[in-house]
Amino acid sequence: MSSAATITAQKLGRSFGATAAVRDINFSIQRGEIFGFAGPDGAGKTTVMRMLAGVLRPDSGSIAVEGIDVIANPEAAKSKLSYMPQRFGLYEDLTVAENIFFYAELFSVPRKLRRARAGELLEAAGLTAFQQRLAGQLSGGMKQKLGLVCALIHTPSVLLLDEPTTGVDPVSRRDFWAILYNLRESGVTIVLSTAYMDEAERCSRLALMHAGKIHYCDTPARLKQAMPGMLLAITAADPRAVRAALADAPGVLGLLLMGDRVNVRVDDAARRAPELRAKLDARNIAFTGINRIEPAIEDVFVALVGGGAPA
């Protein structure tokens, strides 16, 4: 990966009335990275993405994309990037091919290049056989992949994706990420926002956002290393009872409900596991095991940032 910064933002801020959506944030994104903004709804992720795309003017700070001042010259910056918002503007009464042609016109892609570029992208997205299908008849996952094809038709060097897989089935999410990895290999810089913490782990680097601020920014592996304590997973038929019983136990730093288990962050796993087991036994709370596990990004987010777990 090149060390050149493709995107830089300094002291970026934006308010809506009395609400500060983004508060004095700084970051740089390297060429060829998949950089993610992760956090719950209302964290400020979409506001950041819109400012990067040049469609929302910040109240303060600066943004540069490929050396172009996005605030002073947003139209010039748009030649370098493509922005796919949460609700991408597909025309549902047009076919797949017609939507792609429309965006090729919009981005002034030379006609002699359109067919070859569209063919490559359709094949990568698995949409070649659906060119004559109306966009309104596609599944949610296929619509997102068509949106991505349209966003890439003019070969941008930077791709901005605002929560691109929200509401998309797991198989389509996997396919979507396979496309992103291929784009990264071709040198495209990808910036995305997500509330899915399992998805956030796939990024090269990750900014953990809450209440308009970036609290931590690093690789997923280093963020996990920064989490204080160790993690124990307790599986039970009634995990809420487990959480309630252990909330005030010595050495417990935090608890996170995860389906049929509770992830318990402790200061010393070897010491606390038998103590927690004894406490549950004393209260006749059934459980199937207590095991040391490695933290996921959701555990890290709650431990480092707090403010409620993301979706």
C-alpha atoms as a PDB file:
ATOM      1  CA  MET A   1       0.000   0.000   0.000  1.00  0.00           C
ATOM      2  CA  SER A   2       1.247   3.475  -0.868  1.00  0.00           C
ATOM      3  CA  SER A   3       1.898   5.861   2.001  1.00  0.00           C
ATOM      4  CA  ALA A   4       0.306   8.749   0.085  1.00  0.00           C
ATOM      5  CA  ALA A   5      -2.819  10.166   1.722  1.00  0.00           C
ATOM      6  CA  THR A   6      -5.740  10.221  -0.703  1.00  0.00           C
ATOM      7  CA  ILE A   7      -8.119  11.973   1.720  1.00  0.00           C
ATOM      8  CA  THR A   8      -7.312  14.312   4.596  1.00  0.00           C
ATOM      9  CA  ALA A   9      -9.748  16.060   6.919  1.00  0.00           C
ATOM     10  CA  GLN A  10      -8.785  18.502   9.664  1.00  0.00           C
ATOM     11  CA  LYS A  11     -10.953  19.954  12.453  1.00  0.00           C
ATOM     12  CA  LEU A  12     -14.097  18.991  10.579  1.00  0.00           C
ATOM     13  CA  GLY A  13     -17.333  20.134  12.178  1.00  0.00           C
ATOM     14  CA  ARG A  14     -21.020  20.359  11.288  1.00  0.00           C
ATOM     15  CA  SER A  15     -24.107  21.248  13.317  1.00  0.00           C
ATOM     16  CA  PHE A  16     -27.804  21.164  12.553  1.00  0.00           C
ATOM     17  CA  GLY A  17     -29.384  23.847  14.676  1.00  0.00           C
ATOM     18  CA  ALA A  18     -28.297  23.261  18.260  1.00  0.00           C
ATOM     19  CA  THR A  19     -27.197  19.688  17.525  1.00  0.00           C
ATOM     20  CA  ALA A  20     -23.500  19.106  16.828  1.00  0.00           C
ATOM     21  CA  ALA A  21     -23.519  16.172  14.394  1.00  0.00           C
ATOM     22  CA  VAL A  22     -19.747  16.153  13.825  1.00  0.00           C
ATOM     23  CA  ARG A  23     -17.345  17.748  16.278  1.00  0.00           C
ATOM     24  CA  ASP A  24     -13.797  18.750  15.363  1.00  0.00           C
ATOM     25  CA  ILE A  25     -12.609  15.464  13.843  1.00  0.00           C
ATOM     26  CA  ASN A  26      -9.323  14.728  12.077  1.00  0.00           C
ATOM     27  CA  PHE A  27      -8.364  11.776   9.891  1.00  0.00           C
ATOM     28  CA  SER A  28      -6.349  10.786   6.850  1.00  0.00           C
ATOM     29  CA  ILE A  29      -7.017   7.897   4.490  1.00  0.00           C
ATOM     30  CA  GLN A  30      -4.283   6.217   2.501  1.00  0.00           C
ATOM     31  CA  ARG A  31      -4.465   5.225  -1.136  1.00  0.00           C
ATOM     32  CA  GLY A  32      -5.857   1.715  -1.562  1.00  0.00           C
ATOM     33  CA  GLU A  33      -7.323   1.444   1.943  1.00  0.00           C
ATOM     34  CA  ILE A  34     -10.768   0.251   2.916  1.00  0.00           C
ATOM     35  CA  PHE A  35     -11.438   2.777   5.659  1.00  0.00           C
ATOM     36  CA  GLY A  36     -14.526   2.453   7.825  1.00  0.00           C
ATOM     37  CA  PHE A  37     -16.516   4.761  10.073  1.00  0.00           C
ATOM     38  CA  ALA A  38     -18.282   2.530  12.610  1.00  0.00           C
ATOM     39  CA  GLY A  39     -20.804   3.494  15.229  1.00  0.00           C
ATOM     40  CA  PRO A  40     -24.475   3.506  16.167  1.00  0.00           C
ATOM     41  CA  ASP A  41     -27.204   5.532  14.480  1.00  0.00           C
ATOM     42  CA  GLY A  42     -26.716   9.215  15.226  1.00  0.00           C
ATOM     43  CA  ALA A  43     -22.946   8.925  15.629  1.00  0.00           C
ATOM     44  CA  GLY A  44     -22.317  11.322  12.716  1.00  0.00           C
ATOM     45  CA  LYS A  45     -21.231   8.801  10.079  1.00  0.00           C
ATOM     46  CA  THR A  46     -23.593   9.917   7.312  1.00  0.00           C
ATOM     47  CA  THR A  47     -22.794  13.580   7.940  1.00  0.00           C
ATOM     48  CA  VAL A  48     -19.083  12.833   7.493  1.00  0.00           C
ATOM     49  CA  MET A  49     -19.735  10.899   4.280  1.00  0.00           C
ATOM     50  CA  ARG A  50     -21.844  13.716   2.821  1.00  0.00           C
ATOM     51  CA  MET A  51     -19.164  16.274   3.618  1.00  0.00           C
ATOM     52  CA  LEU A  52     -16.477  14.096   2.011  1.00  0.00           C
ATOM     53  CA  ALA A  53     -18.650  13.803  -1.096  1.00  0.00           C
ATOM     54  CA  GLY A  54     -19.000  17.579  -1.343  1.00  0.00           C
ATOM     55  CA  VAL A  55     -22.806  17.540  -1.064  1.00  0.00           C
ATOM     56  CA  LEU A  56     -22.860  19.024   2.468  1.00  0.00           C
ATOM     57  CA  ARG A  57     -20.742  22.001   3.407  1.00  0.00           C
ATOM     58  CA  PRO A  58     -19.002  21.756   6.801  1.00  0.00           C
ATOM     59  CA  ASP A  59     -19.284  24.578   9.314  1.00  0.00           C
ATOM     60  CA  SER A  60     -15.568  24.350  10.030  1.00  0.00           C
ATOM     61  CA  GLY A  61     -12.445  22.525   8.980  1.00  0.00           C
ATOM     62  CA  SER A  62     -10.946  21.367   5.709  1.00  0.00           C
ATOM     63  CA  ILE A  63     -11.207  18.350   3.367  1.00  0.00           C
ATOM     64  CA  ALA A  64      -8.887  17.402   0.526  1.00  0.00           C
ATOM     65  CA  VAL A  65      -9.417  14.522  -1.928  1.00  0.00           C
ATOM     66  CA  GLU A  66      -6.475  13.741  -4.233  1.00  0.00           C
ATOM     67  CA  GLY A  67      -5.098  17.176  -3.341  1.00  0.00           C
ATOM     68  CA  ILE A  68      -8.320  18.980  -4.312  1.00  0.00           C
ATOM     69  CA  ASP A  69     -10.006  21.257  -1.771  1.00  0.00           C
ATOM     70  CA  VAL A  70     -13.502  19.737  -1.564  1.00  0.00           C
ATOM     71  CA  ILE A  71     -15.012  22.789   0.149  1.00  0.00           C
ATOM     72  CA  ALA A  72     -13.620  25.366  -2.265  1.00  0.00           C
ATOM     73  CA  ASN A  73     -13.972  23.248  -5.413  1.00  0.00           C
ATOM     74  CA  PRO A  74     -16.498  20.429  -4.901  1.00  0.00           C
ATOM     75  CA  GLU A  75     -17.140  19.924  -8.617  1.00  0.00           C
ATOM     76  CA  ALA A  76     -13.463  19.247  -9.321  1.00  0.00           C
ATOM     77  CA  ALA A  77     -13.352  16.773  -6.423  1.00  0.00           C
ATOM     78  CA  LYS A  78     -16.380  14.914  -7.796  1.00  0.00           C
ATOM     79  CA  SER A  79     -14.335  13.937 -10.857  1.00  0.00           C
ATOM     80  CA  LYS A  80     -12.117  11.887  -8.532  1.00  0.00           C
ATOM     81  CA  LEU A  81     -14.775  10.224  -6.404  1.00  0.00           C
ATOM     82  CA  SER A  82     -18.128   8.533  -6.456  1.00  0.00           C
ATOM     83  CA  TYR A  83     -20.676   8.650  -3.655  1.00  0.00           C
ATOM     84  CA  MET A  84     -23.235   5.928  -3.007  1.00  0.00           C
ATOM     85  CA  PRO A  85     -25.661   7.146  -0.312  1.00  0.00           C
ATOM     86  CA  GLN A  86     -27.925   4.887   1.718  1.00  0.00           C
ATOM     87  CA  ARG A  87     -30.714   5.391  -0.797  1.00  0.00           C
ATOM     88  CA  PHE A  88     -28.918   5.339  -4.128  1.00  0.00           C
ATOM     89  CA  GLY A  89     -30.887   6.937  -6.957  1.00  0.00           C
ATOM     90  CA  LEU A  90     -31.754   3.966  -9.130  1.00  0.00           C
ATOM     91  CA  TYR A  91     -34.627   4.397 -11.571  1.00  0.00           C
ATOM     92  CA  GLU A  92     -36.866   1.432 -10.899  1.00  0.00           C
ATOM     93  CA  ASP A  93     -38.793   1.786 -14.178  1.00  0.00           C
ATOM     94  CA  LEU A  94     -35.546   1.491 -16.141  1.00  0.00           C
ATOM     95  CA  THR A  95     -33.682  -1.736 -16.815  1.00  0.00           C
ATOM     96  CA  VAL A  96     -30.307  -2.562 -15.329  1.00  0.00           C
ATOM     97  CA  ALA A  97     -28.608  -1.636 -18.612  1.00  0.00           C
ATOM     98  CA  GLU A  98     -30.567   1.613 -18.915  1.00  0.00           C
ATOM     99  CA  ASN A  99     -29.624   2.693 -15.391  1.00  0.00           C
ATOM    100  CA  ILE A 100     -25.955   2.100 -16.170  1.00  0.00           C
ATOM    101  CA  PHE A 101     -26.275   4.036 -19.451  1.00  0.00           C
ATOM    102  CA  PHE A 102     -27.928   6.932 -17.594  1.00  0.00           C
ATOM    103  CA  TYR A 103     -25.076   7.203 -15.098  1.00  0.00           C
ATOM    104  CA  ALA A 104     -22.498   6.863 -17.852  1.00  0.00           C
ATOM    105  CA  GLU A 105     -24.126   9.881 -19.511  1.00  0.00           C
ATOM    106  CA  LEU A 106     -24.263  11.740 -16.212  1.00  0.00           C
ATOM    107  CA  PHE A 107     -20.535  11.163 -15.623  1.00  0.00           C
ATOM    108  CA  SER A 108     -19.666  11.928 -19.273  1.00  0.00           C
ATOM    109  CA  VAL A 109     -18.085   8.523 -19.882  1.00  0.00           C
ATOM    110  CA  PRO A 110     -17.031   8.374 -23.564  1.00  0.00           C
ATOM    111  CA  ARG A 111     -19.419   6.183 -25.534  1.00  0.00           C
ATOM    112  CA  LYS A 112     -16.627   3.994 -26.908  1.00  0.00           C
ATOM    113  CA  LEU A 113     -15.606   3.085 -23.339  1.00  0.00           C
ATOM    114  CA  ARG A 114     -19.063   2.507 -21.854  1.00  0.00           C
ATOM    115  CA  ARG A 115     -19.819  -0.939 -23.185  1.00  0.00           C
ATOM    116  CA  ALA A 116     -16.496  -2.459 -22.129  1.00  0.00           C
ATOM    117  CA  ARG A 117     -16.571  -0.781 -18.699  1.00  0.00           C
ATOM    118  CA  ALA A 118     -20.185  -1.786 -18.094  1.00  0.00           C
ATOM    119  CA  GLY A 119     -19.450  -5.353 -19.156  1.00  0.00           C
ATOM    120  CA  GLU A 120     -16.548  -5.661 -16.714  1.00  0.00           C
ATOM    121  CA  LEU A 121     -18.572  -4.266 -13.827  1.00  0.00           C
ATOM    122  CA  LEU A 122     -21.674  -6.351 -14.580  1.00  0.00           C
ATOM    123  CA  GLU A 123     -19.584  -9.501 -14.647  1.00  0.00           C
ATOM    124  CA  ALA A 124     -17.865  -8.613 -11.366  1.00  0.00           C
ATOM    125  CA  ALA A 125     -21.245  -7.949  -9.743  1.00  0.00           C
ATOM    126  CA  GLY A 126     -22.872 -11.090 -11.132  1.00  0.00           C
ATOM    127  CA  LEU A 127     -25.489  -9.039 -12.996  1.00  0.00           C
ATOM    128  CA  THR A 128     -24.660  -9.871 -16.617  1.00  0.00           C
ATOM    129  CA  ALA A 129     -27.740 -12.083 -17.020  1.00  0.00           C
ATOM    130  CA  PHE A 130     -30.041  -9.392 -15.599  1.00  0.00           C
ATOM    131  CA  GLN A 131     -29.291  -6.478 -17.909  1.00  0.00           C
ATOM    132  CA  GLN A 132     -32.852  -6.327 -19.276  1.00  0.00           C
ATOM    133  CA  ARG A 133     -34.577  -6.714 -15.915  1.00  0.00           C
ATOM    134  CA  LEU A 134     -36.264  -3.638 -14.456  1.00  0.00           C
ATOM    135  CA  ALA A 135     -34.342  -2.292 -11.474  1.00  0.00           C
ATOM    136  CA  GLY A 136     -37.566  -2.303  -9.467  1.00  0.00           C
ATOM    137  CA  GLN A 137     -37.756  -6.075  -9.854  1.00  0.00           C
ATOM    138  CA  LEU A 138     -34.323  -6.742  -8.358  1.00  0.00           C
ATOM    139  CA  SER A 139     -33.751  -8.032  -4.834  1.00  0.00           C
ATOM    140  CA  GLY A 140     -32.321  -5.674  -2.232  1.00  0.00           C
ATOM    141  CA  GLY A 141     -28.849  -7.139  -2.601  1.00  0.00           C
ATOM    142  CA  MET A 142     -28.939  -6.922  -6.397  1.00  0.00           C
ATOM    143  CA  LYS A 143     -30.089  -3.295  -6.217  1.00  0.00           C
ATOM    144  CA  GLN A 144     -27.084  -2.474  -4.053  1.00  0.00           C
ATOM    145  CA  LYS A 145     -24.750  -4.188  -6.501  1.00  0.00           C
ATOM    146  CA  LEU A 146     -26.351  -2.275  -9.399  1.00  0.00           C
ATOM    147  CA  GLY A 147     -25.873   0.933  -7.428  1.00  0.00           C
ATOM    148  CA  LEU A 148     -22.215   0.064  -7.035  1.00  0.00           C
ATOM    149  CA  VAL A 149     -21.852  -0.596 -10.773  1.00  0.00           C
ATOM    150  CA  CYS A 150     -23.425   2.804 -11.543  1.00  0.00           C
ATOM    151  CA  ALA A 151     -21.156   4.503  -9.014  1.00  0.00           C
ATOM    152  CA  LEU A 152     -18.074   2.934 -10.614  1.00  0.00           C
ATOM    153  CA  ILE A 153     -18.924   3.482 -14.268  1.00  0.00           C
ATOM    154  CA  HIS A 154     -16.641   6.550 -14.556  1.00  0.00           C
ATOM    155  CA  THR A 155     -13.669   4.775 -12.885  1.00  0.00           C
ATOM    156  CA  PRO A 156     -13.300   6.941  -9.770  1.00  0.00           C
ATOM    157  CA  SER A 157     -10.178   6.699  -7.637  1.00  0.00           C
ATOM    158  CA  VAL A 158     -12.204   7.144  -4.421  1.00  0.00           C
ATOM    159  CA  LEU A 159     -15.448   5.357  -3.580  1.00  0.00           C
ATOM    160  CA  LEU A 160     -17.677   6.606  -0.730  1.00  0.00           C
ATOM    161  CA  LEU A 161     -20.283   4.134   0.537  1.00  0.00           C
ATOM    162  CA  ASP A 162     -22.781   5.138   3.219  1.00  0.00           C
ATOM    163  CA  GLU A 163     -24.004   2.004   5.034  1.00  0.00           C
ATOM    164  CA  PRO A 164     -24.041   0.074   1.732  1.00  0.00           C
ATOM    165  CA  THR A 165     -25.266  -3.276   3.072  1.00  0.00           C
ATOM    166  CA  THR A 166     -28.036  -2.158   5.437  1.00  0.00           C
ATOM    167  CA  GLY A 167     -31.001  -4.476   4.946  1.00  0.00           C
ATOM    168  CA  VAL A 168     -29.066  -6.754   2.590  1.00  0.00           C
ATOM    169  CA  ASP A 169     -29.099 -10.538   3.107  1.00  0.00           C
ATOM    170  CA  PRO A 170     -25.874 -12.248   4.301  1.00  0.00           C
ATOM    171  CA  VAL A 171     -25.086 -13.862   0.937  1.00  0.00           C
ATOM    172  CA  SER A 172     -25.421 -10.558  -0.909  1.00  0.00           C
ATOM    173  CA  ARG A 173     -23.295  -8.849   1.748  1.00  0.00           C
ATOM    174  CA  ARG A 174     -20.567 -11.430   1.173  1.00  0.00           C
ATOM    175  CA  ASP A 175     -20.746 -10.885  -2.599  1.00  0.00           C
ATOM    176  CA  PHE A 176     -20.673  -7.118  -2.123  1.00  0.00           C
ATOM    177  CA  TRP A 177     -17.520  -7.347  -0.024  1.00  0.00           C
ATOM    178  CA  ALA A 178     -15.867  -9.601  -2.595  1.00  0.00           C
ATOM    179  CA  ILE A 179     -16.366  -6.790  -5.112  1.00  0.00           C
ATOM    180  CA  LEU A 180     -14.873  -4.253  -2.697  1.00  0.00           C
ATOM    181  CA  TYR A 181     -11.782  -6.386  -2.134  1.00  0.00           C
ATOM    182  CA  ASN A 182     -11.265  -6.647  -5.907  1.00  0.00           C
ATOM    183  CA  LEU A 183     -11.617  -2.875  -6.218  1.00  0.00           C
ATOM    184  CA  ARG A 184      -9.022  -2.368  -3.513  1.00  0.00           C
ATOM    185  CA  GLU A 185      -6.604  -4.620  -5.383  1.00  0.00           C
ATOM    186  CA  SER A 186      -7.043  -2.379  -8.429  1.00  0.00           C
ATOM    187  CA  GLY A 187      -6.028   0.673  -6.373  1.00  0.00           C
ATOM    188  CA  VAL A 188      -9.415   2.204  -5.545  1.00  0.00           C
ATOM    189  CA  THR A 189      -9.616   3.880  -2.130  1.00  0.00           C
ATOM    190  CA  ILE A 190     -12.837   2.857  -0.388  1.00  0.00           C
ATOM    191  CA  VAL A 191     -14.440   4.772   2.467  1.00  0.00           C
ATOM    192  CA  LEU A 192     -17.573   3.357   4.048  1.00  0.00           C
ATOM    193  CA  SER A 193     -19.789   3.785   7.060  1.00  0.00           C
ATOM    194  CA  THR A 194     -21.464   0.925   8.873  1.00  0.00           C
ATOM    195  CA  ALA A 195     -23.372   0.078  12.014  1.00  0.00           C
ATOM    196  CA  TYR A 196     -22.576  -3.629  11.521  1.00  0.00           C
ATOM    197  CA  MET A 197     -19.619  -4.398  13.739  1.00  0.00           C
ATOM    198  CA  ASP A 198     -18.921  -7.766  12.081  1.00  0.00           C
ATOM    199  CA  GLU A 199     -18.638  -5.898   8.789  1.00  0.00           C
ATOM    200  CA  ALA A 200     -16.386  -3.258  10.321  1.00  0.00           C
ATOM    201  CA  GLU A 201     -13.784  -5.956  11.028  1.00  0.00           C
ATOM    202  CA  ARG A 202     -13.205  -6.301   7.287  1.00  0.00           C
ATOM    203  CA  CYS A 203     -11.827  -2.766   6.948  1.00  0.00           C
ATOM    204  CA  SER A 204      -8.124  -1.969   6.694  1.00  0.00           C
ATOM    205  CA  ARG A 205      -8.568   0.703   9.355  1.00  0.00           C
ATOM    206  CA  LEU A 206     -11.523   1.724  11.440  1.00  0.00           C
ATOM    207  CA  ALA A 207     -12.679   4.954  13.087  1.00  0.00           C
ATOM    208  CA  LEU A 208     -14.967   4.317  16.065  1.00  0.00           C
ATOM    209  CA  MET A 209     -17.520   7.138  16.172  1.00  0.00           C
ATOM    210  CA  HIS A 210     -19.962   8.186  18.855  1.00  0.00           C
ATOM    211  CA  ALA A 211     -21.787  11.485  19.442  1.00  0.00           C
ATOM    212  CA  GLY A 212     -20.046  13.204  16.534  1.00  0.00           C
ATOM    213  CA  LYS A 213     -16.486  12.340  17.558  1.00  0.00           C
ATOM    214  CA  ILE A 214     -13.862   9.831  16.473  1.00  0.00           C
ATOM    215  CA  HIS A 215     -12.826   8.190  19.729  1.00  0.00           C
ATOM    216  CA  TYR A 216     -10.331   5.652  18.345  1.00  0.00           C
ATOM    217  CA  CYS A 217      -8.855   5.005  14.909  1.00  0.00           C
ATOM    218  CA  ASP A 218      -6.635   2.049  14.045  1.00  0.00           C
ATOM    219  CA  THR A 219      -6.601  -1.372  12.428  1.00  0.00           C
ATOM    220  CA  PRO A 220      -9.162  -3.852  13.818  1.00  0.00           C
ATOM    221  CA  ALA A 221      -6.338  -5.953  15.263  1.00  0.00           C
ATOM    222  CA  ARG A 222      -4.787  -3.029  17.142  1.00  0.00           C
ATOM    223  CA  LEU A 223      -8.161  -1.847  18.397  1.00  0.00           C
ATOM    224  CA  LYS A 224      -8.712  -5.289  19.893  1.00  0.00           C
ATOM    225  CA  GLN A 225      -5.307  -5.130  21.577  1.00  0.00           C
ATOM    226  CA  ALA A 226      -6.295  -1.776  23.087  1.00  0.00           C
ATOM    227  CA  MET A 227      -9.348  -3.200  24.837  1.00  0.00           C
ATOM    228  CA  PRO A 228      -8.708  -3.368  28.587  1.00  0.00           C
ATOM    229  CA  GLY A 229      -9.300  -6.696  30.304  1.00  0.00           C
ATOM    230  CA  MET A 230     -10.088 -10.181  28.987  1.00  0.00           C
ATOM    231  CA  LEU A 231     -13.283 -11.683  27.657  1.00  0.00           C
ATOM    232  CA  LEU A 232     -15.310 -14.623  28.958  1.00  0.00           C
ATOM    233  CA  ALA A 233     -18.361 -15.972  27.117  1.00  0.00           C
ATOM    234  CA  ILE A 234     -21.154 -17.490  29.214  1.00  0.00           C
ATOM    235  CA  THR A 235     -23.848 -19.355  27.296  1.00  0.00           C
ATOM    236  CA  ALA A 236     -27.205 -19.805  29.014  1.00  0.00           C
ATOM    237  CA  ALA A 237     -30.907 -20.342  28.375  1.00  0.00           C
ATOM    238  CA  ASP A 238     -31.581 -17.074  30.209  1.00  0.00           C
ATOM    239  CA  PRO A 239     -28.657 -14.772  29.434  1.00  0.00           C
ATOM    240  CA  ARG A 240     -30.427 -11.759  30.932  1.00  0.00           C
ATOM    241  CA  ALA A 241     -30.472 -13.502  34.307  1.00  0.00           C
ATOM    242  CA  VAL A 242     -26.733 -14.151  33.931  1.00  0.00           C
ATOM    243  CA  ARG A 243     -26.089 -10.500  33.149  1.00  0.00           C
ATOM    244  CA  ALA A 244     -28.114  -9.316  36.128  1.00  0.00           C
ATOM    245  CA  ALA A 245     -26.408 -11.761  38.505  1.00  0.00           C
ATOM    246  CA  LEU A 246     -22.883 -10.770  37.472  1.00  0.00           C
ATOM    247  CA  ALA A 247     -23.309  -7.005  37.080  1.00  0.00           C
ATOM    248  CA  ASP A 248     -21.723  -6.252  40.451  1.00  0.00           C
ATOM    249  CA  ALA A 249     -19.315  -9.188  40.644  1.00  0.00           C
ATOM    250  CA  PRO A 250     -15.701  -8.373  41.603  1.00  0.00           C
ATOM    251  CA  GLY A 251     -13.388  -8.001  38.626  1.00  0.00           C
ATOM    252  CA  VAL A 252     -16.212  -7.547  36.097  1.00  0.00           C
ATOM    253  CA  LEU A 253     -15.453  -4.559  33.870  1.00  0.00           C
ATOM    254  CA  GLY A 254     -18.432  -4.852  31.531  1.00  0.00           C
ATOM    255  CA  LEU A 255     -21.146  -7.133  30.163  1.00  0.00           C
ATOM    256  CA  LEU A 256     -22.580  -7.399  26.664  1.00  0.00           C
ATOM    257  CA  LEU A 257     -25.630  -9.476  25.755  1.00  0.00           C
ATOM    258  CA  MET A 258     -25.037 -11.441  22.526  1.00  0.00           C
ATOM    259  CA  GLY A 259     -28.000 -13.667  21.689  1.00  0.00           C
ATOM    260  CA  ASP A 260     -27.918 -16.695  23.975  1.00  0.00           C
ATOM    261  CA  ARG A 261     -24.681 -15.676  25.660  1.00  0.00           C
ATOM    262  CA  VAL A 262     -23.187 -12.900  27.717  1.00  0.00           C
ATOM    263  CA  ASN A 263     -19.717 -11.591  26.960  1.00  0.00           C
ATOM    264  CA  VAL A 264     -18.190 -10.689  30.311  1.00  0.00           C
ATOM    265  CA  ARG A 265     -15.121  -8.447  30.315  1.00  0.00           C
ATOM    266  CA  VAL A 266     -12.973  -9.144  33.356  1.00  0.00           C
ATOM    267  CA  ASP A 267      -9.632  -8.052  34.734  1.00  0.00           C
ATOM    268  CA  ASP A 268      -8.232 -11.604  34.992  1.00  0.00           C
ATOM    269  CA  ALA A 269      -9.917 -14.491  33.164  1.00  0.00           C
ATOM    270  CA  ALA A 270      -8.142 -17.311  35.017  1.00  0.00           C
ATOM    271  CA  ARG A 271      -9.019 -15.852  38.403  1.00  0.00           C
ATOM    272  CA  ARG A 272     -12.566 -14.683  37.682  1.00  0.00           C
ATOM    273  CA  ALA A 273     -13.959 -17.656  35.726  1.00  0.00           C
ATOM    274  CA  PRO A 274     -14.287 -19.921  38.789  1.00  0.00           C
ATOM    275  CA  GLU A 275     -15.674 -17.027  40.840  1.00  0.00           C
ATOM    276  CA  LEU A 276     -18.355 -16.300  38.245  1.00  0.00           C
ATOM    277  CA  ARG A 277     -19.198 -19.987  37.991  1.00  0.00           C
ATOM    278  CA  ALA A 278     -19.654 -20.177  41.772  1.00  0.00           C
ATOM    279  CA  LYS A 279     -21.817 -17.052  41.811  1.00  0.00           C
ATOM    280  CA  LEU A 280     -24.171 -18.444  39.148  1.00  0.00           C
ATOM    281  CA  ASP A 281     -24.338 -21.821  40.886  1.00  0.00           C
ATOM    282  CA  ALA A 282     -25.209 -20.128  44.185  1.00  0.00           C
ATOM    283  CA  ARG A 283     -28.157 -18.409  42.503  1.00  0.00           C
ATOM    284  CA  ASN A 284     -29.265 -21.578  40.674  1.00  0.00           C
ATOM    285  CA  ILE A 285     -28.818 -19.937  37.264  1.00  0.00           C
ATOM    286  CA  ALA A 286     -28.236 -22.618  34.640  1.00  0.00           C
ATOM    287  CA  PHE A 287     -25.481 -22.129  32.073  1.00  0.00           C
ATOM    288  CA  THR A 288     -23.693 -24.417  29.659  1.00  0.00           C
ATOM    289  CA  GLY A 289     -20.170 -23.082  29.890  1.00  0.00           C
ATOM    290  CA  ILE A 290     -17.719 -20.293  30.629  1.00  0.00           C
ATOM    291  CA  ASN A 291     -15.028 -19.931  27.985  1.00  0.00           C
ATOM    292  CA  ARG A 292     -12.257 -17.445  27.233  1.00  0.00           C
ATOM    293  CA  ILE A 293     -12.786 -15.856  23.822  1.00  0.00           C
ATOM    294  CA  GLU A 294     -11.095 -13.234  21.679  1.00  0.00           C
ATOM    295  CA  PRO A 295     -12.953  -9.914  21.478  1.00  0.00           C
ATOM    296  CA  ALA A 296     -14.916  -8.858  18.424  1.00  0.00           C
ATOM    297  CA  ILE A 297     -15.100  -5.233  17.315  1.00  0.00           C
ATOM    298  CA  GLU A 298     -18.485  -4.870  19.029  1.00  0.00           C
ATOM    299  CA  ASP A 299     -16.890  -5.827  22.347  1.00  0.00           C
ATOM    300  CA  VAL A 300     -14.101  -3.350  21.674  1.00  0.00           C
ATOM    301  CA  PHE A 301     -16.525  -0.558  20.791  1.00  0.00           C
ATOM    302  CA  VAL A 302     -18.519  -0.984  23.989  1.00  0.00           C
ATOM    303  CA  ALA A 303     -15.365  -1.230  26.117  1.00  0.00           C
ATOM    304  CA  LEU A 304     -13.534   1.733  24.584  1.00  0.00           C
ATOM    305  CA  VAL A 305     -16.366   4.044  23.592  1.00  0.00           C
ATOM    306  CA  GLY A 306     -19.484   2.948  25.464  1.00  0.00           C
ATOM    307  CA  GLY A 307     -22.687   4.846  24.821  1.00  0.00           C
ATOM    308  CA  GLY A 308     -24.584   1.713  23.847  1.00  0.00           C
ATOM    309  CA  ALA A 309     -23.680  -1.035  21.442  1.00  0.00           C
ATOM    310  CA  PRO A 310     -24.070  -0.433  17.733  1.00  0.00           C
ATOM    311  CA  ALA A 311     -26.580  -2.432  15.756  1.00  0.00           C
END
